[in-house]
């Protein structure tokens, strides 16, 4: 009987999660239908930016710029921020 109760609890939880996910999706679709086309396209295309990695040369440039900024602060005599 104990395993049957756990099984029912697991399936019940899965059913509640599925209904909740469906409700959230319906709300998102209703919200998106009220948006302008430009905003909708922007939100649709924005995640694609994360598909393109940052080239190693750009990362090196950023690191070099950060080091130069630290050196400039040290030379100016400003106390380091914590």
Protein backbone atom coordinates (compact mmCIF):
# COMPACT_ATOMS: atom_id res chain seq x y z
CA UNK A 1 0.00 0.00 0.00
CA UNK A 2 2.90 2.31 0.70
CA UNK A 3 4.32 2.06 -2.82
CA UNK A 4 0.84 2.61 -4.29
CA UNK A 5 0.50 5.82 -2.27
CA UNK A 6 3.90 7.05 -3.42
CA UNK A 7 3.00 6.21 -7.02
CA UNK A 8 -0.26 8.14 -6.80
CA UNK A 9 1.53 11.06 -5.19
CA UNK A 10 4.14 11.10 -7.97
CA UNK A 11 1.54 10.95 -10.75
CA UNK A 12 -0.59 13.56 -9.01
CA UNK A 13 2.39 15.90 -8.74
CA UNK A 14 3.24 15.35 -12.39
CA UNK A 15 -0.36 16.09 -13.38
CA UNK A 16 -0.41 19.30 -11.34
CA UNK A 17 2.91 20.38 -12.89
CA UNK A 18 1.59 19.68 -16.40
CA UNK A 19 -1.60 21.67 -15.82
CA UNK A 20 0.40 24.54 -14.32
CA UNK A 21 2.82 24.54 -17.29
CA UNK A 22 -0.10 24.56 -19.73
CA UNK A 23 -1.73 27.46 -17.89
CA UNK A 24 1.55 29.45 -17.96
CA UNK A 25 1.95 28.80 -21.70
CA UNK A 26 -1.60 30.00 -22.37
CA UNK A 27 -0.92 33.19 -20.38
CA UNK A 28 2.32 33.81 -22.31
CA UNK A 29 0.53 33.35 -25.64
CA UNK A 30 -2.24 35.74 -24.59
CA UNK A 31 0.39 38.29 -23.50
CA UNK A 32 2.31 37.90 -26.79
CA UNK A 33 -0.83 38.44 -28.87
CA UNK A 34 -1.20 41.90 -27.35
CA UNK A 35 2.35 42.96 -28.27
CA UNK A 36 3.37 44.93 -31.31
CA UNK A 37 5.06 43.04 -34.14
CA UNK A 38 8.42 44.74 -33.58
CA UNK A 39 8.51 43.82 -29.91
CA UNK A 40 7.47 40.26 -30.70
CA UNK A 41 10.22 39.85 -33.30
CA UNK A 42 12.82 41.37 -30.98
CA UNK A 43 11.94 38.92 -28.21
CA UNK A 44 11.96 36.04 -30.70
CA UNK A 45 15.37 36.90 -32.18
CA UNK A 46 17.12 38.02 -28.97
CA UNK A 47 17.95 34.48 -27.69
CA UNK A 48 19.80 33.76 -30.94
CA UNK A 49 22.56 36.12 -29.85
CA UNK A 50 23.67 33.61 -27.23
CA UNK A 51 24.31 31.00 -29.94
CA UNK A 52 27.36 32.88 -31.20
CA UNK A 53 30.38 32.58 -28.88
CA UNK A 54 32.65 35.52 -28.10
CA UNK A 55 35.88 35.16 -30.12
CA UNK A 56 39.05 34.58 -28.05
CA UNK A 57 40.65 37.72 -29.51
CA UNK A 58 37.84 39.85 -28.07
CA UNK A 59 38.22 38.20 -24.66
CA UNK A 60 41.95 38.98 -24.71
CA UNK A 61 41.21 42.60 -25.62
CA UNK A 62 38.79 42.93 -22.73
CA UNK A 63 41.30 41.41 -20.28
CA UNK A 64 44.01 43.79 -21.52
CA UNK A 65 41.70 46.80 -21.13
CA UNK A 66 40.80 45.73 -17.58
CA UNK A 67 44.50 45.40 -16.68
CA UNK A 68 45.20 48.87 -18.10
CA UNK A 69 42.37 50.33 -16.04
CA UNK A 70 43.76 48.73 -12.88
CA UNK A 71 47.22 50.14 -13.64
CA UNK A 72 45.77 53.61 -14.24
CA UNK A 73 43.95 53.51 -10.91
CA UNK A 74 47.09 52.37 -9.11
CA UNK A 75 49.11 55.16 -10.72
CA UNK A 76 46.54 57.80 -9.81
CA UNK A 77 46.70 56.72 -6.16
CA UNK A 78 43.04 55.82 -5.74
CA UNK A 79 42.40 53.15 -3.12
CA UNK A 80 41.14 49.87 -4.64
CA UNK A 81 37.42 49.18 -4.39
CA UNK A 82 36.27 46.09 -2.56
